[in-house]
């Protein structure tokens, strides 16, 4: 399962999301949006206005979402089982 967390500097919700994903054993990549304005414009066009933006094979969401992180961790366990 592929998971990418799009972040920006000094973002408490980004840090909390990354900590929770790691704690739940979900492997993920991190992309700093401050270095990719094209990606920022793409997300804005899709209606995302806050970070982090978490993109997985199944879902995409923004903000700190413990409920979605839990669901993602459950999917990750099922895929790896």
Protein backbone atom coordinates (compact mmCIF):
# COMPACT_ATOMS: atom_id res chain seq x y z
CA UNK A 1 0.00 0.00 0.00
CA UNK A 2 1.31 3.42 -0.97
CA UNK A 3 0.83 6.32 1.47
CA UNK A 4 2.15 9.85 0.99
CA UNK A 5 1.82 12.68 3.49
CA UNK A 6 2.05 16.15 1.95
CA UNK A 7 3.20 18.64 4.58
CA UNK A 8 4.52 22.11 5.19
CA UNK A 9 6.92 23.49 7.77
CA UNK A 10 5.71 24.41 11.26
CA UNK A 11 2.49 22.40 10.91
CA UNK A 12 1.37 20.77 14.18
CA UNK A 13 -1.33 18.73 12.40
CA UNK A 14 1.30 17.44 9.96
CA UNK A 15 3.58 16.38 12.80
CA UNK A 16 0.71 14.72 14.68
CA UNK A 17 -0.35 12.82 11.57
CA UNK A 18 3.17 11.55 10.90
CA UNK A 19 3.60 10.50 14.55
CA UNK A 20 0.26 8.64 14.58
CA UNK A 21 0.94 6.86 11.28
CA UNK A 22 4.37 5.75 12.52
CA UNK A 23 2.93 4.63 15.87
CA UNK A 24 0.32 2.54 14.06
CA UNK A 25 2.97 0.94 11.85
CA UNK A 26 1.96 2.53 8.55
CA UNK A 27 4.85 3.10 6.13
CA UNK A 28 4.62 6.45 4.37
CA UNK A 29 6.55 8.94 2.29
CA UNK A 30 6.68 12.65 3.10
CA UNK A 31 6.57 15.45 0.52
CA UNK A 32 7.17 19.07 1.55
CA UNK A 33 4.65 21.19 -0.33
CA UNK A 34 6.77 24.32 0.04
CA UNK A 35 9.04 22.89 -2.64
CA UNK A 36 6.27 21.92 -5.10
CA UNK A 37 3.95 24.78 -6.03
CA UNK A 38 2.49 22.79 -8.91
CA UNK A 39 1.28 20.15 -6.45
CA UNK A 40 -0.13 22.90 -4.20
CA UNK A 41 -2.15 24.26 -7.10
CA UNK A 42 -3.38 20.75 -7.95
CA UNK A 43 -4.59 20.18 -4.37
CA UNK A 44 -6.24 23.62 -4.23
CA UNK A 45 -8.07 22.86 -7.48
CA UNK A 46 -9.32 19.62 -5.90
CA UNK A 47 -10.66 21.52 -2.87
CA UNK A 48 -7.93 20.79 -0.32
CA UNK A 49 -7.10 23.88 1.70
CA UNK A 50 -5.21 22.56 4.73
CA UNK A 51 -2.26 20.33 5.47
CA UNK A 52 -1.41 17.60 5.92
CA UNK A 53 -2.90 15.98 2.86
CA UNK A 54 -2.71 12.21 3.10
CA UNK A 55 -2.94 10.23 -0.14
CA UNK A 56 -3.27 6.45 -0.11
CA UNK A 57 -4.37 3.85 -2.62
CA UNK A 58 -7.90 4.01 -1.15
CA UNK A 59 -8.45 7.54 0.21
CA UNK A 60 -7.30 11.13 0.22
CA UNK A 61 -7.99 13.53 3.08
CA UNK A 62 -6.61 16.64 4.73
CA UNK A 63 -6.05 17.65 8.31
CA UNK A 64 -5.34 15.52 11.36
CA UNK A 65 -7.85 12.67 11.11
CA UNK A 66 -7.26 9.95 13.74
CA UNK A 67 -10.31 8.08 12.42
CA UNK A 68 -8.88 7.93 8.91
CA UNK A 69 -5.41 7.03 10.20
CA UNK A 70 -6.92 4.10 12.13
CA UNK A 71 -8.78 2.96 9.01
CA UNK A 72 -5.58 3.24 6.97
CA UNK A 73 -3.65 1.22 9.57
CA UNK A 74 -6.32 -1.50 9.45
CA UNK A 75 -6.10 -1.61 5.64
CA UNK A 76 -2.31 -1.76 5.82
CA UNK A 77 -2.44 -4.75 8.18
CA UNK A 78 -4.95 -6.52 5.91
CA UNK A 79 -2.77 -5.93 2.84
CA UNK A 80 0.37 -7.18 4.62
CA UNK A 81 -1.33 -10.23 6.12
